[in-house]
Amino acid sequence: MSTYSKEYRHDMRVRIDYNNMLTQAVGEHGIDPEEIADMQERMQAAFDGVNAKRDAMRWRDLYKTQLDIVDEIEETAEFVRNNCDNFVVLGIGGSALGPIAVHQALRHQHHNALSKDERKVPRLYVEDNVDPERMAALLDVIDLDKTIFNVITKSGSTSETMAQLLIITRLLIDRFGEDGLRDHLIATTDKEKGNLIIIAKRYNLRTFIVPDGVGGRFSELCPVGLIAAAVCGADIRAMLAGAEYMDELCSTDELHKNPALMLAVLEVLAMERHGANISVLMPYADSLKFMADWYAQLWAESLGKKKLSGDSMLHFGQTPVKALGVTDQHSQVQIYTDGPFDKTITFIGVDKYRVDFEIPHAFDDIPNVAFLSGHTLNELIQAERIATEHAVTVSGHMNKTIMLPIVNEFTIGQLIMLFELQTAFAGELLGIDAFDQPGVEEGKNATYALLGKAGYEEKLRELQNSAKKEEKYII
């Protein structure tokens, strides 16, 4: 990672501006700086707690540990690019949201619509649902002869992913035979546990391992996300270098120098003392649109927890909401300015877009239109972001801004690590386990029972004996 100079890292640094979270900007509904000072002891405990668990939080060291397999990932990516027109990811949750977000951030906005000569890499499809119409639609637009699939599930028991795998495996075996499966299917899973590793070994599939201590929503910087990124031409070494840089920035216990810790402290204060139980993430760049989807899972699944305290059950969490600037200025911002003070808004801005687009002259005789001519879309979207920030601030609603110098692999790596560390620190501040998901497991177990999986008979009886729905409440 030393190939990135100190000057480059400084110039590409992701910046945090939290002025508008504070009372001096938004008034009575903001956070008083004294409240931040009062968090010193809890902050230090949270910082120490995250560091003490570093060996277990292996997602934090992926920028080091994955260097050993980058060559193999890049070789596999080259094989895929040379042998197919379509690369299809089969996965759900963290196995899908990260690859989608990074692809949108780094590739052409209409990547799949480009000709092969224009895109130079395969089309990417990420199948993250089991809607039957969606699977049928995918099979309508891909040619199996020119498609390679990457099935991703660490547990090897995710019902949705394994159902997809059953469908695709049957199609591939019928077309190419069992010996041909290796050339069309890549497995990403646990090194020894679960059903997928058994299948991978049976058919000698190209196999990549999800490291221990890396949960799905923290897995973008391991083969879960790096394979699809590399296939589509991303510089995955730069992504890892960006993550390393952000981890370095967040390795100090000086609150005002640690961006992830400060973000966590601000959100926890907003929740606990100001009733802000909603967290809006609003990037002003279509390239970052799906980072909000990825963040929503990270924040919701990590912090939406309950814990027994004495005789009381405490419920934690801040509901994440995704928005897109400027699109959602015309759908959501009304409630962010005139609505209740139950949310924080985090804008993501970009200093320099990768394209400059001038607004030409066409209707100079219409003043209310002509004023736009001679400007650029770049100027317009920046003005819209600044104006929306101002409107939200003067209405007394807490907000902050994350600025990326430009959207590239290095800054995306930083952003991923920033949000992951913010989440870890927030979990420690709240005194909850940010790395389990018992609520998700309950739904999985109920699904297994309904579909007749062995060992879930008691759960099926529970479902059958649950309160019957009354007809009078069904209209």
Protein backbone atom coordinates (compact mmCIF):
# COMPACT_ATOMS: atom_id res chain seq x y z
CA MET A 1 0.00 0.00 0.00
CA SER A 2 3.06 2.26 0.27
CA THR A 3 2.65 3.07 -3.45
CA TYR A 4 0.12 5.71 -2.40
CA SER A 5 2.04 8.81 -1.38
CA LYS A 6 1.23 10.92 1.65
CA GLU A 7 0.20 13.72 -0.69
CA TYR A 8 -2.18 11.49 -2.66
CA ARG A 9 -3.77 10.14 0.51
CA HIS A 10 -4.25 13.67 1.82
CA ASP A 11 -5.73 14.89 -1.46
CA MET A 12 -8.10 11.90 -1.61
CA ARG A 13 -9.13 12.05 2.03
CA VAL A 14 -12.86 11.68 2.77
CA ARG A 15 -13.91 14.60 4.98
CA ILE A 16 -16.62 14.99 7.62
CA ASP A 17 -18.42 18.30 8.33
CA TYR A 18 -20.70 18.04 11.38
CA ASN A 19 -21.25 21.75 12.05
CA ASN A 20 -24.95 21.40 11.38
CA MET A 21 -25.42 18.75 14.04
CA LEU A 22 -24.71 21.37 16.71
CA THR A 23 -26.87 23.91 18.52
CA GLN A 24 -24.97 26.87 17.12
CA ALA A 25 -26.23 25.90 13.64
CA VAL A 26 -29.69 24.38 14.21
CA GLY A 27 -30.71 25.68 17.60
CA GLU A 28 -32.56 23.85 20.34
CA HIS A 29 -32.88 20.56 18.47
CA GLY A 30 -29.15 20.27 17.92
CA ILE A 31 -26.40 18.75 20.02
CA ASP A 32 -24.65 21.04 22.47
CA PRO A 33 -20.85 20.66 22.33
CA GLU A 34 -20.99 20.07 26.07
CA GLU A 35 -22.97 16.90 25.39
CA ILE A 36 -20.09 15.65 23.27
CA ALA A 37 -17.65 16.49 26.07
CA ASP A 38 -19.88 14.56 28.50
CA MET A 39 -19.44 11.46 26.31
CA GLN A 40 -15.68 11.32 26.89
CA GLU A 41 -15.76 8.37 29.29
CA ARG A 42 -18.22 6.35 27.18
CA MET A 43 -16.31 7.27 24.04
CA GLN A 44 -13.04 6.04 25.48
CA ALA A 45 -14.67 2.80 26.60
CA ALA A 46 -16.15 2.30 23.14
CA PHE A 47 -12.82 3.00 21.45
CA ASP A 48 -11.04 0.58 23.78
CA GLY A 49 -13.79 -2.01 23.34
CA VAL A 50 -13.57 -2.00 19.55
CA ASN A 51 -9.77 -2.24 19.66
CA ALA A 52 -9.90 -5.05 22.22
CA LYS A 53 -12.10 -7.05 19.85
CA ARG A 54 -9.98 -6.40 16.79
CA ASP A 55 -8.87 -10.02 16.48
CA ALA A 56 -12.54 -11.06 16.31
CA MET A 57 -13.48 -8.17 13.98
CA ARG A 58 -11.43 -9.54 11.12
CA TRP A 59 -13.27 -7.38 8.60
CA ARG A 60 -11.17 -4.51 9.91
CA ASP A 61 -7.95 -6.16 8.69
CA LEU A 62 -9.17 -7.26 5.27
CA TYR A 63 -7.00 -4.64 3.57
CA LYS A 64 -4.01 -6.66 4.86
CA THR A 65 -5.24 -10.24 4.89
CA GLN A 66 -6.79 -10.17 1.41
CA LEU A 67 -3.58 -9.06 -0.26
CA ASP A 68 -2.56 -12.72 -0.23
CA ILE A 69 -5.38 -13.62 -2.61
CA VAL A 70 -5.59 -10.50 -4.78
CA ASP A 71 -3.50 -12.20 -7.47
CA GLU A 72 -5.86 -15.17 -7.50
CA ILE A 73 -8.91 -12.91 -7.66
CA GLU A 74 -7.41 -10.97 -10.54
CA GLU A 75 -6.52 -14.18 -12.39
CA THR A 76 -10.08 -15.43 -11.95
CA ALA A 77 -11.43 -12.08 -13.08
CA GLU A 78 -9.30 -12.33 -16.22
CA PHE A 79 -10.66 -15.84 -16.88
CA VAL A 80 -14.23 -14.54 -16.52
CA ARG A 81 -13.63 -11.56 -18.82
CA ASN A 82 -12.09 -13.83 -21.47
CA ASN A 83 -14.86 -16.42 -21.36
CA CYS A 84 -18.20 -14.73 -20.83
CA ASP A 85 -20.42 -11.78 -21.65
CA ASN A 86 -22.45 -11.97 -18.42
CA PHE A 87 -21.34 -12.31 -14.81
CA VAL A 88 -24.16 -13.14 -12.42
CA VAL A 89 -23.92 -12.93 -8.64
CA LEU A 90 -26.30 -15.18 -6.73
CA GLY A 91 -26.64 -13.86 -3.18
CA ILE A 92 -28.68 -11.76 -0.82
CA GLY A 93 -28.05 -9.19 1.90
CA GLY A 94 -24.36 -8.46 2.37
CA SER A 95 -23.51 -10.83 -0.46
CA ALA A 96 -25.36 -8.59 -2.90
CA LEU A 97 -25.67 -5.03 -1.57
CA GLY A 98 -21.92 -4.43 -1.43
CA PRO A 99 -21.21 -5.65 -4.97
CA ILE A 100 -24.15 -3.61 -6.30
CA ALA A 101 -23.00 -0.45 -4.51
CA VAL A 102 -19.38 -0.71 -5.65
CA HIS A 103 -20.34 -1.53 -9.23
CA GLN A 104 -22.66 1.47 -9.42
CA ALA A 105 -19.96 3.69 -7.92
CA LEU A 106 -17.13 2.70 -10.22
CA ARG A 107 -18.61 1.72 -13.57
CA HIS A 108 -20.65 3.45 -16.27
CA GLN A 109 -24.13 4.38 -15.07
CA HIS A 110 -25.68 2.24 -17.83
CA HIS A 111 -22.99 -0.41 -17.89
CA ASN A 112 -25.13 -3.32 -19.05
CA ALA A 113 -26.61 -1.29 -21.91
CA LEU A 114 -23.21 -0.59 -23.47
CA SER A 115 -21.97 -2.70 -26.34
CA LYS A 116 -19.28 -5.25 -25.57
CA ASP A 117 -16.67 -3.09 -27.31
CA GLU A 118 -17.66 -0.10 -25.19
CA ARG A 119 -17.77 -1.78 -21.78
CA LYS A 120 -14.85 -4.21 -22.44
CA VAL A 121 -15.93 -6.33 -19.46
CA PRO A 122 -18.97 -8.55 -18.85
CA ARG A 123 -22.39 -7.28 -17.94
CA LEU A 124 -23.07 -7.64 -14.24
CA TYR A 125 -26.31 -8.96 -12.79
CA VAL A 126 -26.79 -9.31 -9.03
CA GLU A 127 -29.77 -11.51 -8.25
CA ASP A 128 -30.70 -10.65 -4.68
CA ASN A 129 -34.31 -11.81 -4.54
CA VAL A 130 -36.39 -14.90 -5.23
CA ASP A 131 -39.28 -13.27 -7.05
CA PRO A 132 -40.04 -15.92 -9.70
CA GLU A 133 -40.63 -13.27 -12.35
CA ARG A 134 -37.16 -11.90 -11.73
CA MET A 135 -35.43 -15.24 -12.24
CA ALA A 136 -37.42 -15.82 -15.41
CA ALA A 137 -36.48 -12.36 -16.65
CA LEU A 138 -32.78 -13.00 -16.03
CA LEU A 139 -32.89 -16.23 -18.00
CA ASP A 140 -34.62 -14.36 -20.82
CA VAL A 141 -31.68 -11.98 -21.29
CA ILE A 142 -28.60 -14.13 -20.72
CA ASP A 143 -27.05 -16.83 -22.84
CA LEU A 144 -25.87 -19.69 -20.59
CA ASP A 145 -23.04 -20.41 -23.00
CA LYS A 146 -21.65 -16.93 -22.32
CA THR A 147 -22.45 -16.61 -18.61
CA ILE A 148 -20.49 -17.34 -15.44
CA PHE A 149 -22.20 -17.38 -12.05
CA ASN A 150 -20.75 -16.56 -8.64
CA VAL A 151 -22.81 -18.04 -5.80
CA ILE A 152 -22.11 -16.37 -2.46
CA THR A 153 -23.21 -17.59 0.95
CA LYS A 154 -20.92 -18.03 3.91
CA SER A 155 -23.29 -20.32 5.80
CA GLY A 156 -24.19 -22.35 2.74
CA SER A 157 -27.71 -22.53 4.11
CA THR A 158 -29.26 -19.26 2.97
CA SER A 159 -32.56 -20.45 1.52
CA GLU A 160 -32.85 -17.77 -1.14
CA THR A 161 -29.32 -18.24 -2.46
CA MET A 162 -29.47 -22.02 -2.38
CA ALA A 163 -32.80 -21.98 -4.23
CA GLN A 164 -31.16 -19.87 -6.93
CA LEU A 165 -28.21 -22.26 -6.99
CA LEU A 166 -30.49 -25.27 -7.45
CA ILE A 167 -32.12 -23.62 -10.45
CA ILE A 168 -28.85 -22.55 -12.06
CA THR A 169 -27.00 -25.80 -11.32
CA ARG A 170 -29.74 -27.84 -12.94
CA LEU A 171 -29.63 -25.65 -16.03
CA LEU A 172 -25.83 -25.78 -16.24
CA ILE A 173 -25.56 -29.53 -15.74
CA ASP A 174 -28.27 -30.16 -18.32
CA ARG A 175 -26.38 -27.95 -20.78
CA PHE A 176 -22.72 -28.72 -20.05
CA GLY A 177 -22.70 -31.83 -17.89
CA GLU A 178 -21.17 -32.09 -14.42
CA ASP A 179 -17.65 -31.75 -15.78
CA GLY A 180 -18.55 -28.41 -17.36
CA LEU A 181 -19.89 -26.89 -14.17
CA ARG A 182 -16.45 -25.60 -13.11
CA ASP A 183 -16.23 -23.29 -16.12
CA HIS A 184 -19.56 -21.62 -15.33
CA LEU A 185 -19.84 -21.51 -11.55
CA ILE A 186 -17.66 -19.92 -8.84
CA ALA A 187 -18.33 -20.48 -5.13
CA THR A 188 -17.65 -17.99 -2.33
CA THR A 189 -18.28 -19.49 1.10
CA ASP A 190 -16.83 -20.71 4.40
CA LYS A 191 -13.64 -22.73 4.21
CA GLU A 192 -15.08 -25.84 5.85
CA LYS A 193 -18.63 -25.37 7.17
CA GLY A 194 -21.93 -25.42 5.31
CA ASN A 195 -23.46 -26.95 2.22
CA LEU A 196 -21.82 -24.79 -0.43
CA ILE A 197 -18.28 -25.89 0.39
CA ILE A 198 -19.45 -29.50 0.04
CA ILE A 199 -20.89 -28.73 -3.39
CA ALA A 200 -17.79 -26.77 -4.40
CA LYS A 201 -15.51 -29.66 -3.55
CA ARG A 202 -17.79 -32.18 -5.24
CA TYR A 203 -17.58 -30.35 -8.56
CA ASN A 204 -14.07 -28.93 -8.15
CA LEU A 205 -15.37 -25.38 -8.47
CA ARG A 206 -13.18 -22.31 -8.31
CA THR A 207 -13.70 -21.43 -4.66
CA PHE A 208 -13.01 -18.34 -2.59
CA ILE A 209 -13.25 -18.17 1.17
CA VAL A 210 -15.12 -15.71 3.37
CA PRO A 211 -12.74 -15.29 6.31
CA ASP A 212 -13.77 -16.10 9.86
CA GLY A 213 -14.96 -13.05 11.78
CA VAL A 214 -16.35 -11.41 8.64
CA GLY A 215 -20.15 -11.19 8.65
CA GLY A 216 -22.08 -10.64 5.46
CA ARG A 217 -22.66 -6.90 5.88
CA PHE A 218 -18.95 -6.38 6.60
CA SER A 219 -17.72 -8.53 3.71
CA GLU A 220 -17.37 -6.19 0.72
CA LEU A 221 -13.57 -6.02 1.03
CA CYS A 222 -13.09 -9.80 0.81
CA PRO A 223 -13.92 -12.08 -2.16
CA VAL A 224 -17.64 -11.46 -1.60
CA GLY A 225 -17.23 -8.02 -3.15
CA LEU A 226 -13.76 -8.03 -4.67
CA ILE A 227 -14.47 -10.68 -7.31
CA ALA A 228 -17.34 -8.82 -8.98
CA ALA A 229 -15.41 -5.55 -8.72
CA ALA A 230 -12.33 -7.08 -10.35
CA VAL A 231 -14.36 -8.78 -13.08
CA CYS A 232 -15.82 -5.39 -14.03
CA GLY A 233 -12.43 -3.72 -14.14
CA ALA A 234 -12.09 -2.06 -10.73
CA ASP A 235 -8.68 -1.61 -9.11
CA ILE A 236 -9.32 -3.68 -6.00
CA ARG A 237 -5.86 -2.94 -4.62
CA ALA A 238 -6.82 0.74 -4.51
CA MET A 239 -10.04 -0.12 -2.68
CA LEU A 240 -8.07 -1.98 -0.04
CA ALA A 241 -5.59 0.89 0.20
CA GLY A 242 -8.44 3.33 0.81
CA ALA A 243 -9.78 1.12 3.58
CA GLU A 244 -6.33 0.99 5.12
CA TYR A 245 -6.07 4.77 5.09
CA MET A 246 -9.46 5.23 6.78
CA ASP A 247 -8.57 2.62 9.42
CA GLU A 248 -5.40 4.57 10.09
CA LEU A 249 -7.40 7.80 10.50
CA CYS A 250 -9.77 6.06 12.90
CA SER A 251 -7.06 4.50 15.05
CA THR A 252 -6.74 7.44 17.42
CA ASP A 253 -8.77 7.95 20.58
CA GLU A 254 -8.75 11.71 20.02
CA LEU A 255 -12.43 12.14 19.23
CA HIS A 256 -12.03 15.24 17.09
CA LYS A 257 -9.48 13.47 14.87
CA ASN A 258 -11.35 10.16 14.49
CA PRO A 259 -14.12 10.53 11.87
CA ALA A 260 -15.85 7.17 12.49
CA LEU A 261 -15.87 7.61 16.26
CA MET A 262 -17.23 11.15 15.95
CA LEU A 263 -20.00 9.99 13.60
CA ALA A 264 -20.93 7.25 16.07
CA VAL A 265 -20.97 9.64 19.04
CA LEU A 266 -23.15 12.12 17.15
CA GLU A 267 -25.70 9.51 16.11
CA VAL A 268 -25.88 7.97 19.58
CA LEU A 269 -26.38 11.39 21.15
CA ALA A 270 -29.04 12.18 18.56
CA MET A 271 -30.83 8.92 19.43
CA GLU A 272 -30.52 9.01 23.19
CA ARG A 273 -30.98 12.70 23.98
CA HIS A 274 -32.79 14.18 21.01
CA GLY A 275 -35.24 11.50 19.90
CA ALA A 276 -33.68 11.16 16.46
CA ASN A 277 -34.55 7.55 15.71
CA ILE A 278 -34.23 7.89 11.93
CA SER A 279 -30.96 8.16 10.01
CA VAL A 280 -31.23 9.46 6.45
CA LEU A 281 -28.32 8.96 4.04
CA MET A 282 -28.59 11.19 0.97
CA PRO A 283 -25.75 11.08 -1.57
CA TYR A 284 -25.62 13.78 -4.23
CA ALA A 285 -24.23 11.48 -6.90
CA ASP A 286 -25.99 8.73 -8.82
CA SER A 287 -22.75 6.77 -8.59
CA LEU A 288 -23.27 6.56 -4.81
CA LYS A 289 -26.99 5.78 -4.95
CA PHE A 290 -26.63 2.20 -3.81
CA MET A 291 -24.13 3.00 -1.08
CA ALA A 292 -27.26 4.13 0.79
CA ASP A 293 -28.80 0.66 0.33
CA TRP A 294 -25.63 -1.01 1.60
CA TYR A 295 -25.47 1.40 4.55
CA ALA A 296 -29.12 0.69 5.40
CA GLN A 297 -28.39 -3.00 5.98
CA LEU A 298 -25.18 -2.27 7.86
CA TRP A 299 -26.85 0.20 10.24
CA ALA A 300 -30.19 -1.57 10.69
CA GLU A 301 -28.98 -5.14 11.09
CA SER A 302 -26.10 -4.16 13.36
CA LEU A 303 -27.89 -1.77 15.74
CA GLY A 304 -31.52 -2.87 15.67
CA LYS A 305 -31.32 -4.99 18.82
CA LYS A 306 -33.15 -5.67 22.06
CA LYS A 307 -31.56 -6.35 25.42
CA LEU A 308 -32.98 -7.28 28.81
CA SER A 309 -32.05 -4.79 31.53
CA GLY A 310 -33.43 -5.83 34.91
CA ASP A 311 -37.14 -6.41 34.35
CA SER A 312 -37.29 -4.22 31.26
CA MET A 313 -36.65 -5.08 27.64
CA LEU A 314 -34.73 -2.27 25.96
CA HIS A 315 -34.98 -1.78 22.21
CA PHE A 316 -32.14 -0.09 20.35
CA GLY A 317 -31.62 1.18 16.84
CA GLN A 318 -32.06 4.00 14.40
CA THR A 319 -34.10 3.32 11.28
CA PRO A 320 -32.03 4.01 8.16
CA VAL A 321 -33.69 5.78 5.23
CA LYS A 322 -32.12 6.02 1.81
CA ALA A 323 -32.49 9.12 -0.34
CA LEU A 324 -30.84 10.49 -3.47
CA GLY A 325 -29.97 14.08 -4.18
CA VAL A 326 -31.40 15.82 -6.06
CA THR A 327 -34.12 13.31 -6.93
CA ASP A 328 -35.53 13.12 -3.42
CA GLN A 329 -35.60 16.87 -2.95
CA HIS A 330 -38.84 16.43 -4.86
CA SER A 331 -40.13 13.54 -2.75
CA GLN A 332 -38.68 13.58 0.78
CA VAL A 333 -37.08 16.92 1.64
CA GLN A 334 -40.43 18.50 2.57
CA ILE A 335 -40.55 16.31 5.67
CA TYR A 336 -36.86 16.92 6.39
CA THR A 337 -37.46 20.67 6.59
CA ASP A 338 -40.99 21.01 7.97
CA GLY A 339 -41.46 17.62 9.59
CA PRO A 340 -40.67 16.33 13.10
CA PHE A 341 -37.21 16.50 14.65
CA ASP A 342 -36.88 12.72 14.79
CA LYS A 343 -34.08 12.24 12.30
CA THR A 344 -30.56 13.11 11.28
CA ILE A 345 -29.68 13.68 7.64
CA THR A 346 -26.26 12.78 6.28
CA PHE A 347 -25.49 14.26 2.89
CA ILE A 348 -22.70 12.83 0.75
CA GLY A 349 -21.11 15.31 -1.63
CA VAL A 350 -18.47 14.99 -4.32
CA ASP A 351 -15.91 17.73 -4.97
CA LYS A 352 -15.22 16.73 -8.56
CA TYR A 353 -17.48 14.65 -10.77
CA ARG A 354 -15.79 12.51 -13.37
CA VAL A 355 -17.57 14.28 -16.23
CA ASP A 356 -18.18 17.98 -16.91
CA PHE A 357 -21.47 18.64 -18.66
CA GLU A 358 -22.34 22.14 -19.89
CA ILE A 359 -25.91 23.42 -20.07
CA PRO A 360 -26.24 24.99 -23.55
CA HIS A 361 -28.19 28.03 -24.74
CA ALA A 362 -31.56 27.28 -26.29
CA PHE A 363 -34.25 29.54 -24.83
CA ASP A 364 -32.48 32.81 -24.17
CA ASP A 365 -35.77 34.72 -24.63
CA ILE A 366 -37.25 33.04 -21.52
CA PRO A 367 -35.40 34.51 -18.51
CA ASN A 368 -36.65 31.89 -16.04
CA VAL A 369 -35.00 29.21 -18.17
CA ALA A 370 -32.12 31.13 -19.72
CA PHE A 371 -30.38 31.73 -16.39
CA LEU A 372 -29.28 28.09 -16.42
CA SER A 373 -27.49 28.39 -19.76
CA GLY A 374 -23.73 28.72 -19.54
CA HIS A 375 -23.61 26.85 -16.27
CA THR A 376 -22.90 23.13 -15.94
CA LEU A 377 -24.80 20.23 -14.44
CA ASN A 378 -21.82 20.03 -12.07
CA GLU A 379 -22.57 23.53 -10.78
CA LEU A 380 -26.29 22.79 -10.58
CA ILE A 381 -26.00 19.64 -8.47
CA GLN A 382 -23.50 21.31 -6.13
CA ALA A 383 -25.82 24.31 -5.73
CA GLU A 384 -28.74 21.97 -5.05
CA ARG A 385 -26.79 20.14 -2.33
CA ILE A 386 -25.68 23.37 -0.64
CA ALA A 387 -29.18 24.82 -0.89
CA THR A 388 -30.79 21.71 0.60
CA GLU A 389 -28.26 21.64 3.42
CA HIS A 390 -29.12 25.29 4.11
CA ALA A 391 -32.88 24.65 4.04
CA VAL A 392 -32.60 21.72 6.43
CA THR A 393 -30.30 23.68 8.74
CA VAL A 394 -32.37 26.87 8.98
CA SER A 395 -35.42 24.72 9.73
CA GLY A 396 -33.58 23.45 12.81
CA HIS A 397 -32.97 19.84 11.71
CA MET A 398 -29.66 18.12 12.44
CA ASN A 399 -27.53 17.26 9.42
CA LYS A 400 -23.94 16.62 8.44
CA THR A 401 -21.99 16.15 5.24
CA ILE A 402 -19.45 13.57 4.08
CA MET A 403 -17.35 14.87 1.17
CA LEU A 404 -15.47 12.70 -1.32
CA PRO A 405 -12.81 14.46 -3.43
CA ILE A 406 -13.86 12.23 -6.34
CA VAL A 407 -15.54 8.84 -6.63
CA ASN A 408 -12.84 6.27 -7.26
CA GLU A 409 -11.61 3.01 -5.79
CA PHE A 410 -9.51 4.72 -3.13
CA THR A 411 -12.33 6.91 -1.83
CA ILE A 412 -14.90 4.09 -1.99
CA GLY A 413 -12.58 1.93 0.11
CA GLN A 414 -12.43 4.77 2.64
CA LEU A 415 -16.20 5.18 2.69
CA ILE A 416 -16.78 1.47 3.28
CA MET A 417 -14.36 1.38 6.20
CA LEU A 418 -15.74 4.64 7.61
CA PHE A 419 -19.28 3.30 7.84
CA GLU A 420 -18.18 -0.08 9.15
CA LEU A 421 -16.12 1.48 11.93
CA GLN A 422 -18.88 3.98 12.75
CA THR A 423 -21.21 1.02 13.19
CA ALA A 424 -18.77 -0.87 15.42
CA PHE A 425 -18.19 2.18 17.64
CA ALA A 426 -21.94 2.84 17.86
CA GLY A 427 -22.55 -0.73 19.01
CA GLU A 428 -20.01 -0.32 21.78
CA LEU A 429 -21.48 3.03 22.83
CA LEU A 430 -24.93 1.44 23.06
CA GLY A 431 -23.67 -1.66 24.85
CA ILE A 432 -25.02 -4.10 22.27
CA ASP A 433 -23.61 -6.75 19.97
CA ALA A 434 -23.38 -5.12 16.54
CA PHE A 435 -22.35 -8.35 14.84
CA ASP A 436 -25.25 -10.76 15.38
CA GLN A 437 -28.74 -10.71 13.84
CA PRO A 438 -31.15 -12.76 15.97
CA GLY A 439 -34.19 -11.10 14.43
CA VAL A 440 -33.10 -12.25 10.99
CA GLU A 441 -32.48 -15.79 12.26
CA GLU A 442 -36.05 -16.03 13.58
CA GLY A 443 -37.42 -15.34 10.12
CA LYS A 444 -35.01 -17.81 8.53
CA ASN A 445 -36.05 -20.55 10.95
CA ALA A 446 -39.73 -19.91 10.30
CA THR A 447 -39.10 -20.19 6.55
CA TYR A 448 -37.28 -23.50 7.02
CA ALA A 449 -40.25 -24.80 9.03
CA LEU A 450 -42.84 -23.74 6.46
CA LEU A 451 -40.90 -25.47 3.69
CA GLY A 452 -40.54 -28.70 5.66
CA LYS A 453 -36.83 -28.65 6.51
CA ALA A 454 -35.93 -31.47 8.91
CA GLY A 455 -35.25 -30.36 12.46
CA TYR A 456 -37.73 -27.48 12.43
CA GLU A 457 -40.85 -29.42 13.37
CA GLU A 458 -41.26 -27.56 16.67
CA LYS A 459 -41.05 -24.22 14.90
CA LEU A 460 -43.71 -25.42 12.46
CA ARG A 461 -46.01 -26.31 15.35
CA GLU A 462 -45.39 -22.86 16.82
CA LEU A 463 -46.42 -21.29 13.52
CA GLN A 464 -49.49 -23.49 13.24
CA ASN A 465 -50.55 -22.65 16.78
CA SER A 466 -50.01 -18.91 16.48
CA ALA A 467 -53.01 -16.62 16.85
CA LYS A 468 -55.46 -17.02 13.97
CA LYS A 469 -56.27 -13.93 11.96
CA GLU A 470 -59.83 -12.70 12.40
CA GLU A 471 -61.83 -12.26 9.21
CA LYS A 472 -63.43 -9.06 10.50
CA TYR A 473 -60.06 -7.34 10.30
CA ILE A 474 -59.53 -8.33 6.67
CA ILE A 475 -61.25 -6.00 4.23
